[in-house]
Protein backbone atom coordinates (compact mmCIF):
# COMPACT_ATOMS: atom_id res chain seq x y z
CA MET A 1 140.50 122.88 30.38
CA LEU A 2 143.29 121.59 28.15
CA LYS A 3 142.78 117.99 29.47
CA MET A 4 139.00 117.63 29.10
CA ALA A 5 139.29 119.19 25.46
CA PHE A 6 142.18 116.71 24.69
CA LEU A 7 140.06 113.68 25.92
CA LEU A 8 136.89 114.77 23.74
CA SER A 9 139.12 115.25 20.68
CA VAL A 10 140.77 111.72 21.19
CA ALA A 11 137.21 110.28 21.44
CA LEU A 12 135.68 111.91 18.57
CA GLY A 13 138.86 110.85 16.54
CA ILE A 14 138.24 107.48 17.60
CA ILE A 15 134.78 107.88 16.48
CA THR A 16 135.86 109.01 13.11
CA VAL A 17 138.09 106.02 12.39
CA VAL A 18 135.58 103.55 13.47
CA ALA A 19 132.91 105.02 11.69
CA ALA A 20 135.14 105.31 8.40
CA ILE A 21 135.71 101.46 8.92
CA VAL A 22 131.97 100.40 9.54
CA LEU A 23 130.84 102.64 6.40
CA TRP A 24 133.44 101.19 4.17
CA SER A 25 132.42 97.82 5.14
CA VAL A 26 128.86 98.43 4.98
CA LEU A 27 129.63 99.61 1.21
CA ASP A 28 131.46 96.53 0.65
CA VAL A 29 129.12 94.27 1.96
CA ILE A 30 126.06 95.80 -0.24
CA GLY A 31 128.64 95.47 -3.48
CA LEU A 32 128.47 99.43 -4.29
CA PHE A 33 132.30 98.69 -5.44
CA ASP A 34 131.88 96.10 -7.68
CA LYS A 35 129.19 97.98 -8.94
CA VAL A 36 131.19 101.22 -9.56
CA ASN A 37 133.63 98.91 -11.13
CA ALA A 38 131.06 97.64 -13.69
CA LEU A 39 129.84 101.02 -14.48
CA MET A 40 133.06 102.41 -15.09
CA THR A 41 134.16 99.36 -17.38
CA ASP A 42 130.60 100.17 -19.01
CA ILE A 43 131.85 103.99 -19.60
CA GLN A 44 135.39 102.91 -20.71
CA GLY A 45 134.27 100.77 -23.15
CA SER A 46 136.76 97.64 -24.39
CA GLU A 47 139.32 99.72 -26.02
CA GLY A 48 140.10 101.60 -22.93
CA GLY A 49 142.95 99.41 -21.59
CA SER A 50 142.92 97.93 -18.23
CA ALA A 51 139.89 98.03 -16.62
CA PHE A 52 139.01 100.29 -13.83
CA ASP A 53 139.59 98.82 -10.28
CA LEU A 54 138.21 101.18 -7.32
CA MET A 55 139.97 99.15 -4.72
CA LYS A 56 143.00 100.81 -5.96
CA PHE A 57 141.92 104.13 -4.74
CA ALA A 58 139.75 103.29 -1.92
CA SER A 59 140.77 100.04 0.01
CA LEU A 60 140.07 99.23 3.36
CA GLY A 61 143.60 100.12 4.35
CA GLN A 62 143.56 103.45 2.49
CA VAL A 63 140.35 104.28 4.39
CA ALA A 64 141.62 103.38 7.53
CA SER A 65 145.03 105.24 7.18
CA TYR A 66 143.01 108.46 5.73
CA SER A 67 140.85 108.55 8.54
CA THR A 68 143.18 108.27 11.28
CA ILE A 69 145.27 111.23 9.61
CA ILE A 70 142.16 113.32 9.48
CA ALA A 71 141.13 112.12 13.04
CA VAL A 72 144.73 113.39 14.14
CA VAL A 73 144.44 116.86 12.52
CA ASN A 74 140.95 117.10 14.21
CA VAL A 75 142.47 116.17 17.57
CA VAL A 76 145.15 118.81 17.49
CA LEU A 77 142.70 121.55 15.95
CA LEU A 78 139.84 121.02 18.45
CA THR A 79 142.24 121.29 21.44
CA THR A 80 143.85 124.07 20.26
CA LEU A 81 140.40 125.65 19.56
CA SER A 82 138.88 124.92 22.79
CA MET A 83 141.60 126.26 24.80
CA LEU A 84 141.72 129.32 22.70
CA SER A 85 137.87 129.91 23.11
CA ALA A 86 138.26 129.43 26.73
CA VAL A 87 140.92 131.67 27.36
CA LEU A 88 138.87 134.30 24.93
CA TYR A 89 135.81 133.88 27.01
CA ASN A 90 137.64 134.37 30.52
CA ILE A 91 139.37 137.49 29.22
CA SER A 92 135.77 139.03 28.16
CA ALA A 93 134.38 137.81 30.97
CA THR A 94 137.04 139.61 33.25
CA LEU A 95 136.69 142.85 31.26
CA VAL A 96 132.90 143.08 31.05
CA GLY A 97 132.44 141.34 34.53
CA GLY A 98 131.00 138.17 34.34
CA ILE A 99 131.36 134.19 35.44
CA GLY A 100 134.82 132.77 34.97
CA VAL A 101 134.54 129.18 33.76
CA THR A 102 137.32 126.81 35.05
CA LEU A 103 136.98 123.18 35.20
CA THR A 104 139.27 121.70 37.72
CA ASP A 105 140.84 117.67 37.98
CA ASP A 106 139.40 116.08 41.07
């Protein structure tokens, strides 16, 4: 059970990282970051000092790094929770009678 949960968690982590990179790329292509920079400059006015740059906070490298960190945390949490839930299910099935679930590697 642990191997299956781990592999599914890793697949979900890869999907998370790829989705974050694709979403950032789409937002960059449609020009959202430039529009937000222009809006913040308009709000800040000419007396605000240096111009606001969203890319300092949300560059592609930072987005990829943060999504990778989130994916690694998700892999650990999902693997642990799935193992714990399988153990709890099998204990309750033993106590009250029922079907025990076991995944085997063939």
